N, C-alpha and C. Protein backbone atom coordinates (compact mmCIF):
# COMPACT_ATOMS: atom_id res chain seq x y z
N MET A 1 -39.11 156.28 51.43
CA MET A 1 -37.91 156.28 52.58
C MET A 1 -37.12 155.76 53.16
N PHE A 2 -37.85 154.49 53.71
CA PHE A 2 -36.64 153.50 54.32
C PHE A 2 -35.68 153.29 53.38
N GLU A 3 -36.16 153.00 52.02
CA GLU A 3 -34.93 152.38 50.78
C GLU A 3 -34.29 153.15 51.01
N SER A 4 -34.21 154.51 50.59
CA SER A 4 -33.56 155.79 50.52
C SER A 4 -32.43 155.63 51.54
N LYS A 5 -33.05 155.62 53.01
CA LYS A 5 -32.18 155.37 54.22
C LYS A 5 -31.52 154.37 54.11
N LEU A 6 -31.79 153.48 53.79
CA LEU A 6 -30.94 151.79 53.70
C LEU A 6 -29.71 152.44 52.65
N LYS A 7 -29.95 153.06 51.64
CA LYS A 7 -29.08 152.88 50.36
C LYS A 7 -27.92 153.88 51.56
N LEU A 8 -28.42 155.01 51.83
CA LEU A 8 -27.36 155.99 52.55
C LEU A 8 -26.45 155.41 53.37
N MET A 9 -27.20 154.68 54.40
CA MET A 9 -26.42 153.86 55.53
C MET A 9 -25.37 152.83 54.88
N LYS A 10 -25.53 152.12 53.81
CA LYS A 10 -25.04 151.83 53.36
C LYS A 10 -23.52 152.08 52.42
N LYS A 11 -23.84 153.47 51.76
CA LYS A 11 -22.93 154.51 51.51
C LYS A 11 -22.09 154.76 52.20
N VAL A 12 -22.38 155.29 53.71
CA VAL A 12 -21.57 155.87 54.73
C VAL A 12 -20.63 154.23 55.39
N ILE A 13 -21.20 153.23 55.36
CA ILE A 13 -20.43 152.25 55.95
C ILE A 13 -19.45 151.82 55.06
N LEU A 14 -19.56 151.84 53.49
CA LEU A 14 -18.51 151.58 52.59
C LEU A 14 -17.47 153.25 52.58
N ILE A 15 -17.79 154.15 52.72
CA ILE A 15 -16.97 155.12 52.85
C ILE A 15 -15.98 154.84 54.42
N ALA A 16 -16.80 154.51 55.17
CA ALA A 16 -15.89 154.48 56.58
C ALA A 16 -15.09 153.05 56.21
N LEU A 17 -15.27 152.25 55.56
CA LEU A 17 -14.32 151.18 55.05
C LEU A 17 -13.40 151.68 54.04
N GLY A 18 -13.43 152.29 53.15
CA GLY A 18 -12.50 153.07 52.63
C GLY A 18 -11.05 153.51 53.82
N ILE A 19 -12.15 154.33 54.17
CA ILE A 19 -10.61 154.58 55.19
C ILE A 19 -9.85 153.50 56.27
N PHE A 20 -10.59 152.69 56.54
CA PHE A 20 -10.15 151.32 57.23
C PHE A 20 -8.91 150.74 56.06
N ALA A 21 -9.62 150.62 54.60
CA ALA A 21 -8.53 150.33 53.79
C ALA A 21 -7.22 150.95 53.79
N SER A 22 -7.19 152.24 53.77
CA SER A 22 -6.25 153.11 53.68
C SER A 22 -5.01 153.06 54.49
N GLN A 23 -5.23 152.28 55.40
CA GLN A 23 -4.44 152.20 56.37
C GLN A 23 -3.93 151.03 56.68
N ILE A 24 -4.28 149.98 55.30
CA ILE A 24 -3.86 148.37 55.53
C ILE A 24 -2.97 148.61 54.04
N SER A 25 -2.06 147.09 53.87
CA SER A 25 -1.96 146.45 52.90
C SER A 25 -2.24 145.70 52.19
N PHE A 26 -2.15 145.41 50.97
CA PHE A 26 -2.86 144.21 50.10
C PHE A 26 -3.12 143.06 51.02
N GLY A 27 -4.40 141.93 51.01
CA GLY A 27 -4.74 141.02 51.69
C GLY A 27 -4.98 141.09 52.88
N GLN A 28 -5.65 140.29 53.41
CA GLN A 28 -6.39 140.52 55.06
C GLN A 28 -5.12 140.64 55.82
N GLU A 29 -5.40 141.99 56.27
CA GLU A 29 -4.84 142.31 57.57
C GLU A 29 -5.32 142.55 58.69
N CYS A 30 -4.86 142.87 59.88
CA CYS A 30 -5.37 143.41 61.18
C CYS A 30 -4.98 144.66 61.13
N LEU A 31 -6.13 146.01 61.72
CA LEU A 31 -6.33 146.80 61.24
C LEU A 31 -5.05 147.91 62.22
N ASN A 32 -4.02 148.20 61.62
CA ASN A 32 -2.96 149.33 62.66
C ASN A 32 -3.64 150.63 62.39
N VAL A 33 -4.69 151.43 62.84
CA VAL A 33 -5.10 152.62 63.05
C VAL A 33 -4.81 153.21 64.31
N LYS A 34 -5.01 154.65 64.45
CA LYS A 34 -4.62 155.56 65.53
C LYS A 34 -5.79 156.51 65.82
N PHE A 35 -6.92 155.87 65.91
CA PHE A 35 -8.29 156.47 66.02
C PHE A 35 -9.32 155.61 66.72
N LYS A 36 -10.06 155.77 67.69
CA LYS A 36 -11.08 154.73 67.81
C LYS A 36 -12.08 154.83 66.69
N LEU A 37 -12.59 153.06 66.55
CA LEU A 37 -13.20 152.89 65.53
C LEU A 37 -14.86 153.19 65.70
N ARG A 38 -15.47 153.61 64.53
CA ARG A 38 -17.02 153.73 65.45
C ARG A 38 -17.69 152.20 65.17
N GLY A 39 -18.48 152.37 65.74
CA GLY A 39 -19.10 150.94 66.21
C GLY A 39 -19.51 150.05 65.30
N TYR A 40 -19.99 149.15 64.98
CA TYR A 40 -19.88 148.38 63.51
C TYR A 40 -20.92 147.11 63.68
N PHE A 41 -21.47 146.69 64.88
CA PHE A 41 -22.05 145.63 65.41
C PHE A 41 -23.51 145.88 65.09
N TYR A 42 -23.94 145.78 63.89
CA TYR A 42 -25.49 145.85 63.34
C TYR A 42 -26.15 144.41 63.60
N ALA A 43 -27.06 144.79 64.12
CA ALA A 43 -28.65 143.59 64.63
C ALA A 43 -29.75 143.57 64.02
N GLY A 44 -30.65 142.33 63.37
CA GLY A 44 -31.88 142.80 63.12
C GLY A 44 -32.65 142.10 64.12
N THR A 45 -33.59 141.75 64.41
CA THR A 45 -34.86 141.57 65.51
C THR A 45 -35.03 140.35 65.38
N SER A 46 -35.70 139.62 66.33
CA SER A 46 -36.92 138.48 66.59
C SER A 46 -38.35 139.01 66.91
N GLN A 47 -38.39 140.02 66.97
CA GLN A 47 -39.61 140.56 67.56
C GLN A 47 -39.90 142.12 66.83
N VAL A 48 -40.79 142.91 66.40
CA VAL A 48 -40.95 144.38 66.13
C VAL A 48 -41.21 145.00 67.19
N ASP A 49 -40.19 146.07 67.06
CA ASP A 49 -40.31 146.85 68.56
C ASP A 49 -41.65 147.91 68.20
N SER A 50 -42.85 148.02 68.84
CA SER A 50 -44.06 148.27 68.46
C SER A 50 -43.85 149.97 69.20
N THR A 51 -43.19 149.93 70.14
CA THR A 51 -42.87 151.32 70.37
C THR A 51 -42.09 152.36 69.79
N ALA A 52 -41.36 151.75 68.85
CA ALA A 52 -40.46 153.09 68.13
C ALA A 52 -41.10 153.69 67.23
N LEU A 53 -40.46 154.97 66.49
CA LEU A 53 -41.04 155.77 65.84
C LEU A 53 -41.09 155.51 64.47
N GLY A 54 -40.31 154.68 63.85
CA GLY A 54 -40.28 154.20 62.61
C GLY A 54 -39.21 154.99 61.66
N GLY A 55 -38.52 154.49 60.61
CA GLY A 55 -37.62 154.93 60.05
C GLY A 55 -36.37 154.93 59.90
N PHE A 56 -36.34 153.84 60.83
CA PHE A 56 -34.45 153.75 61.03
C PHE A 56 -34.35 152.47 60.01
N TYR A 57 -32.95 152.38 60.03
CA TYR A 57 -32.40 151.53 59.51
C TYR A 57 -32.37 149.95 60.09
N GLU A 58 -33.10 148.91 59.61
CA GLU A 58 -33.14 148.01 59.74
C GLU A 58 -32.21 146.86 59.38
N ASP A 59 -31.69 146.34 59.82
CA ASP A 59 -30.54 145.42 59.32
C ASP A 59 -31.27 143.79 59.18
N LYS A 60 -30.53 143.17 58.50
CA LYS A 60 -30.97 141.49 58.24
C LYS A 60 -30.53 140.73 59.06
N ASN A 61 -29.47 141.31 59.94
CA ASN A 61 -28.92 140.05 60.27
C ASN A 61 -29.60 139.45 61.75
N SER A 62 -30.40 139.05 61.57
CA SER A 62 -31.54 138.38 62.51
C SER A 62 -30.78 137.28 63.22
N PRO A 63 -31.48 137.34 64.85
CA PRO A 63 -31.14 136.13 65.48
C PRO A 63 -31.25 134.47 64.71
N LYS A 64 -30.27 133.54 64.90
CA LYS A 64 -30.53 132.47 64.82
C LYS A 64 -30.73 131.43 65.74
N ASN A 65 -31.55 130.24 65.34
CA ASN A 65 -31.75 129.34 66.41
C ASN A 65 -30.56 128.60 67.14
N LEU A 66 -30.41 128.79 68.15
CA LEU A 66 -29.05 128.42 68.68
C LEU A 66 -28.92 126.54 68.59
N THR A 67 -27.75 126.40 67.88
CA THR A 67 -27.32 125.15 67.23
C THR A 67 -26.65 124.28 68.57
N SER A 68 -26.41 123.01 68.61
CA SER A 68 -25.60 122.80 69.34
C SER A 68 -23.93 123.24 69.12
N GLU A 69 -23.32 123.44 68.30
CA GLU A 69 -22.15 124.01 68.26
C GLU A 69 -21.94 125.30 69.28
N ILE A 70 -23.08 125.88 68.77
CA ILE A 70 -22.69 127.41 69.06
C ILE A 70 -23.45 127.29 70.84
N SER A 71 -24.27 126.16 71.12
CA SER A 71 -24.58 126.12 72.79
C SER A 71 -23.29 125.98 73.41
N GLU A 72 -22.33 125.43 72.93
CA GLU A 72 -21.44 124.75 73.61
C GLU A 72 -20.39 125.95 73.91
N TYR A 73 -20.49 127.39 73.28
CA TYR A 73 -19.63 128.28 73.65
C TYR A 73 -19.91 129.09 74.87
N SER A 74 -21.20 128.78 75.43
CA SER A 74 -21.77 129.64 76.37
C SER A 74 -22.41 128.50 77.96
N LYS A 75 -21.79 128.68 78.76
CA LYS A 75 -21.87 128.06 79.78
C LYS A 75 -22.68 128.15 80.53
N SER A 76 -23.33 129.24 80.78
CA SER A 76 -24.26 129.85 81.56
C SER A 76 -25.94 129.94 80.96
N ASN A 77 -26.98 130.00 81.97
CA ASN A 77 -28.26 130.20 81.25
C ASN A 77 -28.57 132.03 81.39
N LYS A 78 -27.73 132.38 80.71
CA LYS A 78 -28.38 134.09 80.79
C LYS A 78 -28.19 134.52 79.28
N LEU A 79 -27.76 135.93 79.06
CA LEU A 79 -27.34 136.33 77.60
C LEU A 79 -25.90 136.91 77.99
N GLU A 80 -25.15 136.34 76.71
CA GLU A 80 -23.79 136.57 77.24
C GLU A 80 -23.15 136.79 75.53
N ILE A 81 -22.06 137.62 75.73
CA ILE A 81 -21.20 137.78 74.77
C ILE A 81 -19.79 136.66 74.78
N ILE A 82 -19.88 136.05 73.70
CA ILE A 82 -18.62 135.20 73.58
C ILE A 82 -17.61 135.57 72.32
N VAL A 83 -16.46 135.67 72.65
CA VAL A 83 -15.68 136.07 71.74
C VAL A 83 -14.73 135.30 71.43
N LYS A 84 -14.46 134.81 69.94
CA LYS A 84 -13.62 133.67 69.58
C LYS A 84 -13.03 134.04 68.36
N PRO A 85 -11.54 134.38 69.24
CA PRO A 85 -10.69 134.96 68.01
C PRO A 85 -10.07 134.08 67.45
N GLU A 86 -9.70 132.44 67.80
CA GLU A 86 -9.41 131.90 66.98
C GLU A 86 -10.13 131.49 65.58
N LEU A 87 -11.43 131.94 65.71
CA LEU A 87 -12.22 131.57 64.52
C LEU A 87 -12.39 133.01 63.47
N THR A 88 -11.43 132.75 62.43
CA THR A 88 -11.15 133.95 61.86
C THR A 88 -12.07 134.09 60.66
N ALA A 89 -12.29 135.64 60.45
CA ALA A 89 -13.21 135.76 58.96
C ALA A 89 -13.01 136.80 58.56
N GLU A 90 -13.21 137.15 57.10
CA GLU A 90 -13.05 138.19 57.06
C GLU A 90 -14.12 139.42 57.07
N PHE A 91 -13.66 140.53 57.88
CA PHE A 91 -14.49 141.55 58.55
C PHE A 91 -15.45 142.31 57.20
N GLU A 92 -13.99 142.70 56.31
CA GLU A 92 -14.59 143.21 54.98
C GLU A 92 -13.37 143.17 54.26
N LYS A 93 -13.67 143.41 52.77
CA LYS A 93 -12.32 143.15 52.17
C LYS A 93 -11.20 143.50 52.41
N GLY A 94 -10.04 142.47 52.52
CA GLY A 94 -9.01 143.04 52.81
C GLY A 94 -8.85 142.94 54.37
N ILE A 95 -9.80 142.99 55.25
CA ILE A 95 -9.59 143.36 56.48
C ILE A 95 -9.76 141.98 57.45
N LEU A 96 -8.68 141.49 57.86
CA LEU A 96 -8.58 140.25 59.09
C LEU A 96 -9.87 140.49 59.67
N GLY A 97 -10.62 139.13 60.62
CA GLY A 97 -11.58 139.53 61.59
C GLY A 97 -11.68 138.15 62.37
N PHE A 98 -12.74 138.11 63.47
CA PHE A 98 -12.95 137.05 64.09
C PHE A 98 -14.44 137.07 64.21
N LYS A 99 -14.55 136.11 65.17
CA LYS A 99 -16.27 135.81 65.39
C LYS A 99 -16.52 136.53 66.89
N VAL A 100 -17.61 137.21 66.70
CA VAL A 100 -18.45 137.50 67.99
C VAL A 100 -20.36 136.71 68.23
N PHE A 101 -19.76 136.31 68.91
CA PHE A 101 -21.83 136.02 69.35
C PHE A 101 -22.11 136.44 70.93
N ILE A 102 -23.61 136.80 70.50
CA ILE A 102 -24.38 137.04 71.56
C ILE A 102 -25.62 135.95 71.77
N ILE A 103 -25.19 135.40 72.74
CA ILE A 103 -26.13 133.95 73.15
C ILE A 103 -26.94 134.13 74.17
N ASN A 104 -28.33 133.85 73.61
CA ASN A 104 -29.27 133.96 74.63
C ASN A 104 -29.86 132.51 75.34
N LYS A 105 -29.09 131.91 76.16
CA LYS A 105 -29.42 130.91 76.93
C LYS A 105 -30.75 130.88 78.36
N SER A 106 -30.76 132.34 78.33
CA SER A 106 -32.21 132.86 79.36
C SER A 106 -33.58 132.13 79.09
N ASP A 107 -34.09 131.90 80.14
CA ASP A 107 -35.64 131.53 79.58
C ASP A 107 -36.74 132.59 79.16
N SER A 108 -36.00 134.07 78.72
CA SER A 108 -36.74 135.26 78.35
C SER A 108 -36.24 135.93 76.93
N ILE A 109 -37.14 136.68 76.44
CA ILE A 109 -36.37 137.35 75.69
C ILE A 109 -36.08 138.76 75.99
N SER A 110 -34.49 138.91 75.19
CA SER A 110 -34.13 140.26 75.82
C SER A 110 -34.17 141.47 75.03
N GLU A 111 -34.36 142.60 75.54
CA GLU A 111 -34.73 144.18 74.67
C GLU A 111 -33.38 144.46 74.53
N LEU A 112 -32.44 144.87 73.42
CA LEU A 112 -31.38 145.90 73.45
C LEU A 112 -31.61 146.88 72.87
N PRO A 113 -30.93 148.36 72.93
CA PRO A 113 -30.99 149.61 72.33
C PRO A 113 -30.44 149.56 71.33
N ALA A 114 -30.97 150.05 70.57
CA ALA A 114 -30.19 150.16 68.92
C ALA A 114 -30.37 151.75 68.39
N GLN A 115 -29.21 152.37 67.64
CA GLN A 115 -29.69 153.33 66.60
C GLN A 115 -29.30 152.75 65.04
N ASP A 116 -30.38 152.82 64.63
CA ASP A 116 -30.36 152.33 63.42
C ASP A 116 -30.14 150.97 63.22
N SER A 117 -30.44 149.90 64.04
CA SER A 117 -29.69 148.49 63.94
C SER A 117 -28.71 148.34 64.93
N ARG A 118 -27.76 149.66 65.04
CA ARG A 118 -26.60 149.53 65.57
C ARG A 118 -26.53 149.28 67.20
N LEU A 119 -25.60 148.21 67.76
CA LEU A 119 -26.24 147.72 68.98
C LEU A 119 -25.13 148.56 69.86
N TYR A 120 -25.17 149.31 71.24
CA TYR A 120 -24.65 149.32 71.84
C TYR A 120 -23.11 149.09 72.49
N LEU A 121 -22.76 148.48 71.76
CA LEU A 121 -21.40 147.09 71.69
C LEU A 121 -19.76 147.81 71.23
N LYS A 122 -19.31 147.80 72.14
CA LYS A 122 -17.94 148.19 71.91
C LYS A 122 -16.70 147.40 72.17
N ARG A 123 -15.47 147.77 72.08
CA ARG A 123 -14.50 147.38 72.30
C ARG A 123 -13.66 147.95 73.43
N GLN A 124 -13.08 147.45 74.33
CA GLN A 124 -12.31 147.81 75.34
C GLN A 124 -10.54 147.41 75.51
N VAL A 125 -9.66 148.10 76.09
CA VAL A 125 -8.69 147.62 76.37
C VAL A 125 -7.93 147.87 77.74
N PHE A 126 -7.26 147.09 78.23
CA PHE A 126 -6.65 146.80 79.69
C PHE A 126 -5.57 147.58 79.65
N TYR A 127 -5.41 149.19 80.10
CA TYR A 127 -4.45 149.80 79.99
C TYR A 127 -4.18 150.72 81.56
N LYS A 128 -3.17 150.58 82.07
CA LYS A 128 -2.70 151.34 83.31
C LYS A 128 -3.76 150.73 84.21
N ASN A 129 -4.02 149.88 84.08
CA ASN A 129 -4.86 148.94 85.28
C ASN A 129 -6.65 149.46 85.48
N GLU A 130 -6.62 150.15 84.16
CA GLU A 130 -8.00 150.03 84.07
C GLU A 130 -8.57 149.91 82.65
N TRP A 131 -9.98 149.20 82.63
CA TRP A 131 -10.79 149.35 81.25
C TRP A 131 -10.88 150.39 80.12
N ARG A 132 -10.50 150.96 79.31
CA ARG A 132 -10.85 152.34 78.44
C ARG A 132 -11.23 151.92 76.97
N ASP A 133 -11.92 152.55 76.85
CA ASP A 133 -12.61 152.49 75.45
C ASP A 133 -11.60 152.35 74.01
N ILE A 134 -11.76 152.03 73.17
CA ILE A 134 -10.73 152.05 72.28
C ILE A 134 -12.01 151.83 70.89
N GLU A 135 -13.02 152.11 71.00
CA GLU A 135 -13.92 152.05 69.69
C GLU A 135 -15.19 153.19 70.55
N TYR A 136 -16.16 153.85 69.61
CA TYR A 136 -17.15 154.54 70.30
C TYR A 136 -18.02 154.41 69.28
N LEU A 137 -19.56 154.79 69.91
CA LEU A 137 -20.51 154.82 69.32
C LEU A 137 -21.25 156.34 69.28
N PRO A 138 -21.05 156.59 68.02
CA PRO A 138 -21.94 157.87 67.24
C PRO A 138 -23.24 157.90 67.78
N SER A 139 -23.50 159.18 67.75
CA SER A 139 -25.14 159.60 68.27
C SER A 139 -25.99 160.37 67.19
N SER A 140 -27.08 159.55 67.34
CA SER A 140 -27.94 160.35 65.79
C SER A 140 -28.64 161.54 66.09
N TRP A 141 -28.97 162.68 65.77
CA TRP A 141 -29.79 163.62 66.28
C TRP A 141 -31.18 163.43 65.76
N CYS A 142 -31.46 162.31 65.16
CA CYS A 142 -32.75 162.00 64.55
C CYS A 142 -33.48 161.24 65.40
N GLY A 143 -34.82 161.47 66.17
CA GLY A 143 -35.27 160.95 67.35
C GLY A 143 -35.53 159.35 66.36
N ASN A 144 -35.78 159.21 65.39
CA ASN A 144 -36.43 157.90 64.25
C ASN A 144 -35.33 156.99 64.28
N SER A 145 -34.26 157.12 64.64
CA SER A 145 -33.03 156.31 64.47
C SER A 145 -33.01 155.45 65.81
N TYR A 146 -33.51 155.64 66.86
CA TYR A 146 -33.78 154.93 68.22
C TYR A 146 -34.94 154.09 68.32
N HIS A 147 -34.16 152.71 68.63
CA HIS A 147 -35.30 151.75 68.71
C HIS A 147 -34.96 150.37 69.45
N SER A 148 -35.52 149.51 69.51
CA SER A 148 -34.83 148.16 70.30
C SER A 148 -35.05 146.94 69.11
N VAL A 149 -33.78 146.33 69.23
CA VAL A 149 -33.96 145.02 69.03
C VAL A 149 -34.15 143.82 69.89
N TYR A 150 -34.63 142.67 69.43
CA TYR A 150 -34.82 141.48 70.43
C TYR A 150 -34.41 140.34 69.99
N ILE A 151 -33.89 139.18 70.67
CA ILE A 151 -33.48 138.15 70.74
C ILE A 151 -34.14 137.27 71.71
N LYS A 152 -34.91 136.22 71.27
CA LYS A 152 -35.56 134.98 72.25
C LYS A 152 -34.69 134.45 72.95
N PRO A 153 -35.24 133.46 73.60
CA PRO A 153 -34.14 132.30 74.27
C PRO A 153 -34.05 131.58 73.29
N ASN A 154 -32.86 130.73 73.36
CA ASN A 154 -32.31 129.78 72.19
C ASN A 154 -31.88 130.35 70.80
N GLU A 155 -31.73 131.44 70.64
CA GLU A 155 -31.25 132.21 69.81
C GLU A 155 -30.21 132.83 69.77
N TYR A 156 -29.33 133.19 68.65
CA TYR A 156 -27.75 134.18 68.73
C TYR A 156 -28.03 135.09 67.73
N TRP A 157 -26.69 135.86 67.93
CA TRP A 157 -26.41 136.95 66.77
C TRP A 157 -25.24 136.54 66.44
N ASP A 158 -24.51 136.33 65.27
CA ASP A 158 -23.25 135.83 64.60
C ASP A 158 -22.66 137.50 63.95
N PHE A 159 -21.81 137.91 64.47
CA PHE A 159 -20.97 139.08 64.18
C PHE A 159 -19.33 138.90 63.94
N SER A 160 -19.04 139.52 62.75
CA SER A 160 -17.44 139.70 62.73
C SER A 160 -16.79 141.08 63.33
N ALA A 161 -15.54 140.97 64.05
CA ALA A 161 -14.91 142.29 64.45
C ALA A 161 -13.67 142.20 63.90
N PRO A 162 -13.29 143.36 63.34
CA PRO A 162 -12.09 143.12 63.04
C PRO A 162 -11.03 143.38 63.77
N CYS A 163 -9.67 142.38 63.35
CA CYS A 163 -8.59 142.73 64.32
C CYS A 163 -7.68 143.53 64.14
N VAL A 164 -7.14 143.89 65.08
CA VAL A 164 -6.30 145.07 65.50
C VAL A 164 -5.28 145.09 65.85
N LYS A 165 -4.27 145.56 65.57
CA LYS A 165 -3.01 145.53 66.08
C LYS A 165 -2.35 147.15 66.20
N GLY A 166 -1.28 147.27 67.21
CA GLY A 166 -0.32 148.17 67.46
C GLY A 166 0.79 148.16 68.42
N LYS A 167 1.37 148.72 68.90
CA LYS A 167 2.70 148.59 69.63
C LYS A 167 2.58 148.56 70.88
N ILE A 168 1.02 148.34 71.55
CA ILE A 168 1.25 147.69 72.98
C ILE A 168 0.31 146.95 73.47
N LYS A 169 0.86 146.06 73.58
CA LYS A 169 0.33 144.72 73.91
C LYS A 169 -0.45 144.47 75.08
N THR A 170 -1.73 144.04 75.14
CA THR A 170 -2.62 144.18 76.17
C THR A 170 -3.55 143.06 76.13
N LYS A 171 -4.61 142.93 76.72
CA LYS A 171 -5.84 142.06 76.81
C LYS A 171 -7.24 143.12 76.25
N PHE A 172 -7.74 142.32 75.67
CA PHE A 172 -9.34 143.21 75.50
C PHE A 172 -10.53 142.64 75.90
N ARG A 173 -11.54 143.42 75.46
CA ARG A 173 -13.14 142.61 75.87
C ARG A 173 -14.17 143.44 75.20
N PHE A 174 -15.41 142.94 74.98
CA PHE A 174 -16.32 143.57 74.77
C PHE A 174 -17.60 144.20 75.63
N GLU A 175 -17.63 145.37 75.81
CA GLU A 175 -18.80 145.80 76.44
C GLU A 175 -20.23 146.22 75.96
N LEU A 176 -21.25 145.49 76.21
CA LEU A 176 -22.69 145.63 76.13
C LEU A 176 -23.18 146.25 77.20
N TYR A 177 -23.82 147.49 76.73
CA TYR A 177 -24.94 148.18 77.29
C TYR A 177 -26.22 147.63 76.82
N ILE A 178 -27.28 147.22 78.02
CA ILE A 178 -28.30 147.04 77.79
C ILE A 178 -29.51 147.83 78.56
N ASN A 179 -29.30 148.38 79.62
CA ASN A 179 -30.43 149.46 80.14
C ASN A 179 -29.27 149.74 81.40
N GLU A 180 -29.88 151.03 81.96
CA GLU A 180 -29.22 151.61 82.97
C GLU A 180 -28.73 150.67 84.25
N ASN A 181 -29.21 149.65 84.05
CA ASN A 181 -29.42 148.58 85.13
C ASN A 181 -28.69 147.49 84.92
N LEU A 182 -27.88 147.19 83.97
CA LEU A 182 -27.27 146.37 83.12
C LEU A 182 -26.54 146.34 81.95
N THR A 183 -25.05 145.99 82.06
CA THR A 183 -24.17 145.90 81.20
C THR A 183 -23.48 144.93 81.81
N ILE A 184 -23.20 144.00 80.24
CA ILE A 184 -22.36 143.15 80.28
C ILE A 184 -21.14 143.31 79.43
N TYR A 185 -20.32 141.96 79.74
CA TYR A 185 -18.91 142.11 79.49
C TYR A 185 -18.58 140.55 78.88
N SER A 186 -17.56 140.45 77.54
CA SER A 186 -17.49 139.33 76.75
C SER A 186 -16.09 139.04 77.72
N ASN A 187 -15.72 137.66 77.45
CA ASN A 187 -14.43 136.76 77.68
C ASN A 187 -13.51 137.77 77.53
N GLU A 188 -12.16 137.63 78.21
CA GLU A 188 -11.49 138.47 77.56
C GLU A 188 -10.04 137.59 76.53
N PHE A 189 -9.55 138.53 76.04
CA PHE A 189 -8.50 137.73 74.80
C PHE A 189 -7.64 138.78 74.53
N GLU A 190 -6.65 138.41 74.06
CA GLU A 190 -5.30 139.28 73.66
C GLU A 190 -4.89 139.87 72.76
N GLY A 191 -3.92 141.00 72.48
CA GLY A 191 -4.21 141.81 71.29
C GLY A 191 -2.90 142.80 71.80
N SER A 192 -3.06 143.91 70.56
CA SER A 192 -2.36 144.95 70.68
C SER A 192 -2.97 146.08 70.26
N PHE A 193 -2.74 147.41 70.32
CA PHE A 193 -3.16 148.42 70.03
C PHE A 193 -2.39 149.76 69.80
N ASN A 194 -2.78 150.63 69.18
CA ASN A 194 -1.94 152.08 69.28
C ASN A 194 -2.81 153.32 70.41
N LYS A 195 -1.84 153.81 71.16
CA LYS A 195 -2.47 154.97 72.46
C LYS A 195 -3.21 155.64 71.91
N ARG A 196 -3.15 156.10 70.60
CA ARG A 196 -3.92 157.34 70.06
C ARG A 196 -5.59 156.65 70.02
N GLN A 197 -5.73 155.37 69.73
CA GLN A 197 -7.00 155.08 70.11
C GLN A 197 -7.72 154.74 71.07
N LEU A 198 -6.82 155.56 72.39
CA LEU A 198 -7.67 155.92 73.17
C LEU A 198 -8.51 157.24 73.22
N LYS A 199 -7.90 158.15 72.38
CA LYS A 199 -8.70 159.84 72.54
C LYS A 199 -9.25 160.21 71.23
N LYS A 200 -8.68 159.98 70.12
CA LYS A 200 -8.64 160.24 69.03
C LYS A 200 -10.17 159.22 68.09
N GLU A 201 -11.16 159.93 67.85
CA GLU A 201 -12.32 159.39 67.12
C GLU A 201 -12.14 159.31 65.67
N GLN A 202 -12.50 157.93 65.29
CA GLN A 202 -12.64 157.99 63.87
C GLN A 202 -13.26 159.29 62.97
N GLY A 203 -14.39 159.44 63.47
CA GLY A 203 -14.71 160.98 63.27
C GLY A 203 -15.83 160.42 61.76
N HIS A 204 -16.66 161.50 61.02
CA HIS A 204 -17.99 160.97 59.95
C HIS A 204 -18.11 162.25 59.46
N LYS A 205 -18.31 162.34 58.50
CA LYS A 205 -18.99 163.72 57.70
C LYS A 205 -20.36 162.96 57.13
N PRO A 206 -21.52 163.86 57.52
CA PRO A 206 -22.68 163.55 57.02
C PRO A 206 -22.77 163.55 55.43
N ILE A 207 -23.34 162.63 54.68
CA ILE A 207 -23.15 162.92 53.40
C ILE A 207 -24.42 163.27 52.32
N GLY A 208 -25.37 163.57 53.41
CA GLY A 208 -27.03 163.74 52.71
C GLY A 208 -27.81 164.35 54.17
N ILE A 209 -28.93 164.52 53.93
CA ILE A 209 -29.87 164.69 54.64
C ILE A 209 -30.34 163.39 55.12
N MET A 210 -30.09 162.81 54.60
CA MET A 210 -31.07 161.23 55.09
C MET A 210 -30.02 160.65 56.36
N ASP A 211 -28.63 161.22 56.47
CA ASP A 211 -27.54 161.09 57.08
C ASP A 211 -27.43 161.60 58.49
N PRO A 212 -28.04 160.82 59.62
CA PRO A 212 -28.35 161.87 60.91
C PRO A 212 -27.26 161.76 61.64
N TYR A 213 -25.78 161.62 61.37
CA TYR A 213 -24.87 161.31 62.37
C TYR A 213 -23.66 162.32 61.60
N ASN A 214 -23.34 163.26 63.19
CA ASN A 214 -22.00 164.23 62.73
C ASN A 214 -20.87 163.57 63.45
N ASN A 215 -21.13 162.58 63.75
CA ASN A 215 -19.25 162.18 64.31
C ASN A 215 -19.41 160.54 64.19
């Protein structure tokens, strides 16, 4: 069952990336889309969630031991999101991206909620004097999808996020929901987006019984 669900999840991701690729020209380019992107930050774990029902997709992007170089990105002794737009990376084939790190320099293990290993992490833009989402997190109707991932002290997650561009210049940040009492934000960085990214969702159609997402 686990392998079937894993294969299905990968197929869903490839279909989504096909939508992305249709919006851009040949070569590595920033995405120029007119909808909110579905969440794409998948994380493995340093500790098993013993309370989870099981059957969820388990990503292999587990936390790594903190290096001296990565440690320099974070100046505080707590859990942080650090965006490094100058560190370019290929998000997927043909899609230009940049590096995003979650760094834990606190003295305790951090528990983060996830759906099939997808973190509650999304991009926001500053528009008309307020922060607004241009990415969204789909909701699973299957209780097995919900679980937690863990990052130990002096560990970090390494992610790539897609570069986006549009007609409106502004500043970006990422928001990470941890629990009802704690939401953290990344450093801000410059960019541009399209107004329709504030409302319309990318959308998703289930491709089988093992796909518990309708959006």
